[in-house]
Amino acid sequence: MNTNQVNFDPPRNFRTTLKSKCKETFFPDDPFREFKNEKPFVKAKKAVQYFVPIFEWLPQYNLKLFRFDLLAGITITSLAIPQGISYAKLAEIPPIIGLYSSFIPPLIYAIFGSSKHLAVGTVAACSLLLADTIGSKVSSKDDPTLYLNLIMTTAFITGVFQAALGFLRLGILVDFLSHSTITGFMGGTAIIICLQQLKGLLGIIHFTTKTDVVSVLHAVFKNRHEVRTTKD
């Protein structure tokens, strides 16, 4: 008969357990561990560098890195300019807004971001969702000022939610999205974007404001007499 006994840790109270679970959820990498025993000034300095990474890498920035960044910036600009204009067209807002949205988010991310591989900028799916959601309430042609104000308000509220999610370190929510869900969303978005280009590609004047496949195809066949010919 085995007389060895298993030693169990003493039970923890509710407060200790809750504190441990919250720390494991929101700070799994324990960012304060590296400077926990430092002096107050060093601790404050490293805490600022952790939350605002530009203060960490900017003192080490040199001309060699600037040359590579300049080349990368020129390359991305050649893509971001037409992309920003086209995404603004999808959202039915002035093209200049699309240009602003192409360089302001990366500029802010350069200050507060830490990843070298993350792409920051406009997204076609968001442009379509904004145009479809807000366009169902306010027409961009009948009242463009109100439409643009609603777009700006929606973007601001979205930014507040994203900042809150980042501050609370709730990126773990992405783990609950299955690969099939993400793939289906991306595939469906690509199809919708392609169908939305039929209006300009075919030169159709009267086009539907809806984004679903059935409505778009119905609008194309219904107004097929407006399709531009090679003589035009």
Protein backbone atom coordinates (compact mmCIF):
# COMPACT_ATOMS: atom_id res chain seq x y z
CA MET A 1 0.00 0.00 0.00
CA ASN A 2 1.40 3.37 -1.03
CA THR A 3 1.80 5.65 1.97
CA ASN A 4 3.04 8.67 0.00
CA GLN A 5 0.72 11.63 0.31
CA VAL A 6 0.22 14.40 -2.19
CA ASN A 7 0.92 17.87 -0.85
CA PHE A 8 -1.73 20.40 -1.86
CA ASP A 9 -1.22 24.15 -1.78
CA PRO A 10 -3.29 25.93 0.83
CA PRO A 11 -6.58 27.22 -0.65
CA ARG A 12 -6.53 30.82 -1.78
CA ASN A 13 -9.24 33.30 -0.93
CA PHE A 14 -11.49 34.90 -3.51
CA ARG A 15 -9.53 38.17 -3.70
CA THR A 16 -6.21 36.45 -4.33
CA THR A 17 -7.72 34.16 -6.96
CA LEU A 18 -9.45 37.05 -8.76
CA LYS A 19 -6.25 39.10 -8.76
CA SER A 20 -4.27 36.18 -10.19
CA LYS A 21 -6.86 35.48 -12.92
CA CYS A 22 -7.05 39.15 -13.95
CA LYS A 23 -3.26 39.41 -14.09
CA GLU A 24 -3.06 36.24 -16.18
CA THR A 25 -5.74 37.54 -18.57
CA PHE A 26 -4.74 41.18 -19.01
CA PHE A 27 -0.97 40.97 -18.40
CA PRO A 28 0.15 37.47 -19.39
CA ASP A 29 3.63 38.73 -20.25
CA ASP A 30 3.94 40.67 -16.95
CA PRO A 31 5.40 43.88 -18.47
CA PHE A 32 6.35 45.32 -15.06
CA ARG A 33 8.51 42.36 -14.07
CA GLU A 34 11.70 43.73 -15.68
CA PHE A 35 11.76 46.93 -13.64
CA LYS A 36 9.91 45.87 -10.50
CA ASN A 37 12.94 46.37 -8.22
CA GLU A 38 14.35 49.44 -9.95
CA LYS A 39 14.58 52.95 -8.50
CA PRO A 40 11.45 55.13 -8.85
CA PHE A 41 12.94 57.29 -11.63
CA VAL A 42 14.15 54.27 -13.65
CA LYS A 43 10.85 52.52 -13.04
CA ALA A 44 8.87 55.53 -14.33
CA LYS A 45 11.18 55.86 -17.36
CA LYS A 46 10.82 52.23 -18.38
CA ALA A 47 7.06 52.33 -17.81
CA VAL A 48 6.76 55.29 -20.19
CA GLN A 49 8.93 53.48 -22.76
CA TYR A 50 6.71 50.42 -22.47
CA PHE A 51 3.46 52.29 -23.10
CA VAL A 52 4.97 54.81 -25.59
CA PRO A 53 7.60 52.76 -27.49
CA ILE A 54 8.87 55.72 -29.55
CA PHE A 55 10.84 56.89 -26.49
CA GLU A 56 12.69 53.56 -26.53
CA TRP A 57 13.75 53.32 -30.17
CA LEU A 58 14.03 56.99 -31.15
CA PRO A 59 17.34 57.62 -29.26
CA GLN A 60 18.89 54.72 -31.19
CA TYR A 61 17.60 55.89 -34.57
CA ASN A 62 20.29 56.67 -37.17
CA LEU A 63 20.73 57.69 -40.80
CA LYS A 64 21.09 54.11 -42.01
CA LEU A 65 17.68 53.21 -40.65
CA PHE A 66 16.25 56.40 -42.12
CA ARG A 67 17.35 55.40 -45.64
CA PHE A 68 15.54 52.09 -45.40
CA ASP A 69 12.47 53.77 -43.92
CA LEU A 70 12.49 56.35 -46.71
CA LEU A 71 12.58 53.64 -49.38
CA ALA A 72 9.80 51.72 -47.63
CA GLY A 73 7.76 54.92 -47.26
CA ILE A 74 7.99 55.73 -50.96
CA THR A 75 6.96 52.18 -51.84
CA ILE A 76 3.98 52.17 -49.50
CA THR A 77 2.93 55.65 -50.63
CA SER A 78 2.57 54.44 -54.21
CA LEU A 79 0.09 51.89 -52.88
CA ALA A 80 -1.60 53.95 -50.16
CA ILE A 81 -2.60 56.90 -52.38
CA PRO A 82 -4.77 54.98 -54.88
CA GLN A 83 -5.94 52.67 -52.11
CA GLY A 84 -7.07 55.55 -49.90
CA ILE A 85 -8.91 57.21 -52.79
CA SER A 86 -10.64 53.98 -53.83
CA TYR A 87 -11.65 53.13 -50.26
CA ALA A 88 -13.06 56.64 -49.84
CA LYS A 89 -15.10 56.04 -52.98
CA LEU A 90 -16.43 52.81 -51.48
CA ALA A 91 -17.53 54.73 -48.39
CA GLU A 92 -18.96 57.52 -50.60
CA ILE A 93 -16.90 60.26 -48.94
CA PRO A 94 -14.50 62.84 -50.47
CA PRO A 95 -11.20 61.33 -51.71
CA ILE A 96 -9.16 63.68 -49.50
CA ILE A 97 -10.59 61.89 -46.45
CA GLY A 98 -9.20 58.64 -47.81
CA LEU A 99 -5.76 60.24 -48.14
CA TYR A 100 -5.90 61.50 -44.56
CA SER A 101 -6.86 58.04 -43.33
CA SER A 102 -3.87 56.56 -45.18
CA PHE A 103 -1.11 58.47 -43.38
CA ILE A 104 -2.55 59.60 -40.02
CA PRO A 105 -3.07 56.09 -38.51
CA PRO A 106 0.50 54.94 -39.37
CA LEU A 107 1.84 58.21 -37.95
CA ILE A 108 0.05 57.60 -34.65
CA TYR A 109 1.09 53.94 -34.65
CA ALA A 110 4.73 54.97 -35.05
CA ILE A 111 4.42 56.65 -31.64
CA PHE A 112 2.41 54.06 -29.72
CA GLY A 113 3.04 50.86 -31.71
CA SER A 114 5.81 48.34 -31.27
CA SER A 115 5.37 45.79 -34.08
CA LYS A 116 7.42 46.09 -37.28
CA HIS A 117 5.16 43.76 -39.24
CA LEU A 118 1.69 45.14 -38.52
CA ALA A 119 -0.14 46.91 -41.36
CA VAL A 120 -2.10 49.97 -40.26
CA GLY A 121 -4.49 51.85 -42.52
CA THR A 122 -7.81 51.80 -44.27
CA VAL A 123 -9.84 48.63 -44.78
CA ALA A 124 -12.24 48.03 -47.66
CA ALA A 125 -14.66 46.03 -45.52
CA CYS A 126 -15.07 48.92 -43.07
CA SER A 127 -15.69 51.34 -45.95
CA LEU A 128 -18.46 49.12 -47.30
CA LEU A 129 -20.02 48.63 -43.88
CA LEU A 130 -20.04 52.38 -43.23
CA ALA A 131 -21.57 53.17 -46.61
CA ASP A 132 -24.24 50.49 -46.23
CA THR A 133 -25.12 51.25 -42.60
CA ILE A 134 -25.11 55.04 -42.67
CA GLY A 135 -26.38 55.20 -46.24
CA SER A 136 -29.56 53.42 -45.17
CA LYS A 137 -30.33 56.38 -42.90
CA VAL A 138 -28.81 59.39 -44.70
CA SER A 139 -28.09 59.74 -48.39
CA SER A 140 -24.58 60.86 -49.29
CA LYS A 141 -25.99 62.75 -52.30
CA ASP A 142 -29.00 64.43 -50.70
CA ASP A 143 -27.26 65.52 -47.48
CA PRO A 144 -23.47 65.07 -47.89
CA THR A 145 -22.61 67.22 -44.83
CA LEU A 146 -24.68 65.15 -42.41
CA TYR A 147 -23.48 61.94 -44.04
CA LEU A 148 -19.83 62.96 -43.60
CA ASN A 149 -20.43 64.02 -39.98
CA LEU A 150 -21.95 60.63 -39.23
CA ILE A 151 -18.95 58.92 -40.84
CA MET A 152 -16.58 60.96 -38.66
CA THR A 153 -18.60 60.25 -35.52
CA THR A 154 -18.64 56.53 -36.25
CA ALA A 155 -14.88 56.52 -36.82
CA PHE A 156 -14.33 58.38 -33.54
CA ILE A 157 -16.49 55.97 -31.52
CA THR A 158 -14.74 53.02 -33.17
CA GLY A 159 -11.38 54.49 -32.15
CA VAL A 160 -12.57 54.85 -28.55
CA PHE A 161 -13.62 51.19 -28.48
CA GLN A 162 -10.31 50.07 -30.00
CA ALA A 163 -8.33 52.14 -27.51
CA ALA A 164 -10.33 50.66 -24.64
CA LEU A 165 -9.80 47.12 -25.91
CA GLY A 166 -6.09 47.77 -26.26
CA PHE A 167 -5.82 49.34 -22.80
CA LEU A 168 -7.66 46.39 -21.25
CA ARG A 169 -5.54 43.98 -23.32
CA LEU A 170 -8.57 42.19 -24.72
CA GLY A 171 -6.82 40.95 -27.84
CA ILE A 172 -7.52 37.46 -26.52
CA LEU A 173 -11.05 37.83 -27.95
CA VAL A 174 -9.56 37.12 -31.39
CA ASP A 175 -8.80 33.58 -30.22
CA PHE A 176 -12.53 32.87 -30.15
CA LEU A 177 -12.89 33.53 -33.90
CA SER A 178 -12.47 30.34 -35.88
CA HIS A 179 -10.36 30.19 -39.03
CA SER A 180 -13.39 29.31 -41.13
CA THR A 181 -15.20 32.43 -39.89
CA ILE A 182 -12.30 34.70 -40.81
CA THR A 183 -11.86 33.02 -44.20
CA GLY A 184 -15.56 33.31 -44.99
CA PHE A 185 -15.59 36.97 -43.98
CA MET A 186 -12.59 37.79 -46.16
CA GLY A 187 -13.96 35.85 -49.12
CA GLY A 188 -17.39 37.44 -48.86
CA THR A 189 -15.87 40.90 -48.55
CA ALA A 190 -13.75 40.36 -51.65
CA ILE A 191 -16.82 39.34 -53.68
CA ILE A 192 -18.81 42.38 -52.48
CA ILE A 193 -15.94 44.75 -53.32
CA CYS A 194 -15.62 43.32 -56.83
CA LEU A 195 -19.36 43.64 -57.44
CA GLN A 196 -19.37 47.26 -56.24
CA GLN A 197 -16.86 48.13 -58.96
CA LEU A 198 -19.31 47.11 -61.68
CA LYS A 199 -20.99 50.52 -61.49
CA GLY A 200 -17.88 52.39 -62.60
CA LEU A 201 -16.59 49.59 -64.80
CA LEU A 202 -19.79 49.35 -66.85
CA GLY A 203 -20.73 53.02 -66.59
CA ILE A 204 -24.12 52.36 -65.03
CA ILE A 205 -25.81 55.53 -63.76
CA HIS A 206 -28.71 54.08 -61.79
CA PHE A 207 -27.21 51.60 -59.37
CA THR A 208 -28.41 50.07 -56.13
CA THR A 209 -27.23 51.35 -52.77
CA LYS A 210 -27.36 47.85 -51.30
CA THR A 211 -24.28 45.64 -51.12
CA ASP A 212 -25.71 42.11 -51.25
CA VAL A 213 -25.01 39.98 -54.31
CA VAL A 214 -28.64 39.61 -55.40
CA SER A 215 -29.37 43.36 -55.33
CA VAL A 216 -26.18 44.26 -57.21
CA LEU A 217 -26.70 41.67 -59.95
CA HIS A 218 -30.34 42.67 -60.25
CA ALA A 219 -29.32 46.32 -60.70
CA VAL A 220 -26.77 45.37 -63.37
CA PHE A 221 -29.26 43.36 -65.48
CA LYS A 222 -32.08 45.84 -64.92
CA ASN A 223 -29.97 48.78 -66.12
CA ARG A 224 -27.98 46.91 -68.75
CA HIS A 225 -29.11 49.44 -71.37
CA GLU A 226 -26.90 52.02 -69.59
CA VAL A 227 -23.75 49.97 -70.10
CA ARG A 228 -21.18 51.92 -72.07
CA THR A 229 -20.25 50.58 -75.46
CA THR A 230 -16.88 50.75 -77.18
CA LYS A 231 -18.15 53.65 -79.33
CA ASP A 232 -18.64 55.78 -76.22
